[in-house]
Amino acid sequence: MKLGILLTTAPSHQNTYSVIQLSRAAREQGHEVGVFMMADGVYNILHQPLLDLVNNGVELSLCAHNATQRGLDKVESVQWGSQYDLAVLTDDSDRFLTF
């Protein structure tokens, strides 16, 4: 099973903690996990606990347009994409959650 997650809130919001915990639990169960960040969610590339999910096999990507608007620099472990990438994640996921 593949779990897709959309994260639209900054790291200071409880949603980031929820996404981290859900992603870890899903990976422990052997599921694939992809997280796409957009709007203020792109600020999560500055939040190390979320970036550490890559070490657990979670695929992280974000809306490059939103990140550029907010003056963020690229992070090696995060794919800079577009709304097309979000659409692909949504289509490829068996379950999709939005935060």
Protein backbone atom coordinates (compact mmCIF):
# COMPACT_ATOMS: atom_id res chain seq x y z
CA MET A 1 0.00 0.00 0.00
CA LYS A 2 1.13 3.54 -0.69
CA LEU A 3 0.20 6.44 1.58
CA GLY A 4 0.30 9.94 0.13
CA ILE A 5 0.31 12.98 2.38
CA LEU A 6 -0.15 16.67 1.56
CA LEU A 7 1.32 19.04 4.16
CA THR A 8 0.27 22.69 3.86
CA THR A 9 1.12 24.10 7.29
CA ALA A 10 4.37 25.38 8.80
CA PRO A 11 6.45 23.25 11.22
CA SER A 12 5.08 25.15 14.20
CA HIS A 13 1.67 23.61 13.56
CA GLN A 14 0.66 20.28 15.12
CA ASN A 15 0.17 18.87 11.61
CA THR A 16 3.91 18.44 11.12
CA TYR A 17 4.17 16.23 14.20
CA SER A 18 1.15 14.21 13.01
CA VAL A 19 2.67 13.72 9.54
CA ILE A 20 5.98 12.59 11.04
CA GLN A 21 4.29 10.07 13.34
CA LEU A 22 1.96 8.74 10.64
CA SER A 23 4.82 8.40 8.18
CA ARG A 24 6.98 6.50 10.66
CA ALA A 25 4.13 4.17 11.60
CA ALA A 26 3.27 3.47 7.95
CA ARG A 27 6.91 2.72 7.10
CA GLU A 28 7.16 0.39 10.11
CA GLN A 29 4.20 -1.50 8.65
CA GLY A 30 6.07 -1.77 5.33
CA HIS A 31 4.01 0.77 3.40
CA GLU A 32 5.39 3.27 0.91
CA VAL A 33 4.99 6.92 1.96
CA GLY A 34 5.22 10.11 -0.06
CA VAL A 35 4.87 13.59 1.44
CA PHE A 36 4.25 16.65 -0.74
CA MET A 37 4.59 20.10 0.83
CA MET A 38 3.01 23.27 -0.50
CA ALA A 39 1.90 26.71 0.72
CA ASP A 40 3.44 27.28 4.18
CA GLY A 41 4.16 23.56 4.33
CA VAL A 42 7.33 24.19 2.31
CA TYR A 43 8.88 25.64 5.48
CA ASN A 44 9.08 22.06 6.73
CA ILE A 45 12.32 21.64 4.76
CA LEU A 46 13.85 23.64 7.61
CA HIS A 47 12.53 21.14 10.18
CA GLN A 48 15.09 18.37 10.71
CA PRO A 49 12.69 15.78 12.22
CA LEU A 50 10.67 15.85 8.99
CA LEU A 51 13.80 15.66 6.84
CA ASP A 52 14.93 12.63 8.86
CA LEU A 53 11.98 10.71 7.40
CA VAL A 54 14.06 10.28 4.25
CA ASN A 55 16.32 7.94 6.25
CA ASN A 56 13.23 5.79 6.87
CA GLY A 57 12.40 5.60 3.15
CA VAL A 58 9.83 8.39 2.95
CA GLU A 59 9.85 10.36 -0.31
CA LEU A 60 9.69 14.12 0.28
CA SER A 61 8.78 16.62 -2.40
CA LEU A 62 7.47 20.16 -2.52
CA CYS A 63 6.02 22.83 -4.75
CA ALA A 64 9.08 24.65 -6.12
CA HIS A 65 6.98 27.72 -6.91
CA ASN A 66 5.83 28.06 -3.28
CA ALA A 67 9.37 27.50 -1.98
CA THR A 68 10.82 30.10 -4.34
CA GLN A 69 8.15 32.60 -3.32
CA ARG A 70 9.23 32.14 0.30
CA GLY A 71 12.95 32.48 -0.46
CA LEU A 72 13.88 28.91 0.47
CA ASP A 73 16.99 27.16 -0.84
CA LYS A 74 17.02 23.63 -2.16
CA VAL A 75 17.63 20.75 0.21
CA GLU A 76 19.32 17.71 -1.28
CA SER A 77 16.90 15.13 0.10
CA VAL A 78 13.73 16.93 -1.08
CA GLN A 79 12.54 16.84 -4.68
CA TRP A 80 11.48 20.24 -5.99
CA GLY A 81 8.40 19.69 -8.11
CA SER A 82 5.10 21.12 -9.18
CA GLN A 83 1.39 20.56 -8.88
CA TYR A 84 1.84 17.85 -11.49
CA ASP A 85 3.95 15.91 -8.97
CA LEU A 86 1.18 16.31 -6.41
CA ALA A 87 -1.32 14.95 -8.93
CA VAL A 88 0.91 11.94 -9.63
CA LEU A 89 1.30 11.25 -5.89
CA THR A 90 -2.45 11.48 -5.42
CA ASP A 91 -3.10 9.11 -8.31
CA ASP A 92 -0.43 6.60 -7.23
CA SER A 93 -1.57 6.49 -3.59
CA ASP A 94 -3.97 3.94 -2.18
CA ARG A 95 -4.78 6.38 0.63
CA PHE A 96 -4.25 10.14 0.60
CA LEU A 97 -4.32 12.44 3.64
CA THR A 98 -4.28 16.24 3.69
CA PHE A 99 -2.96 18.37 6.55
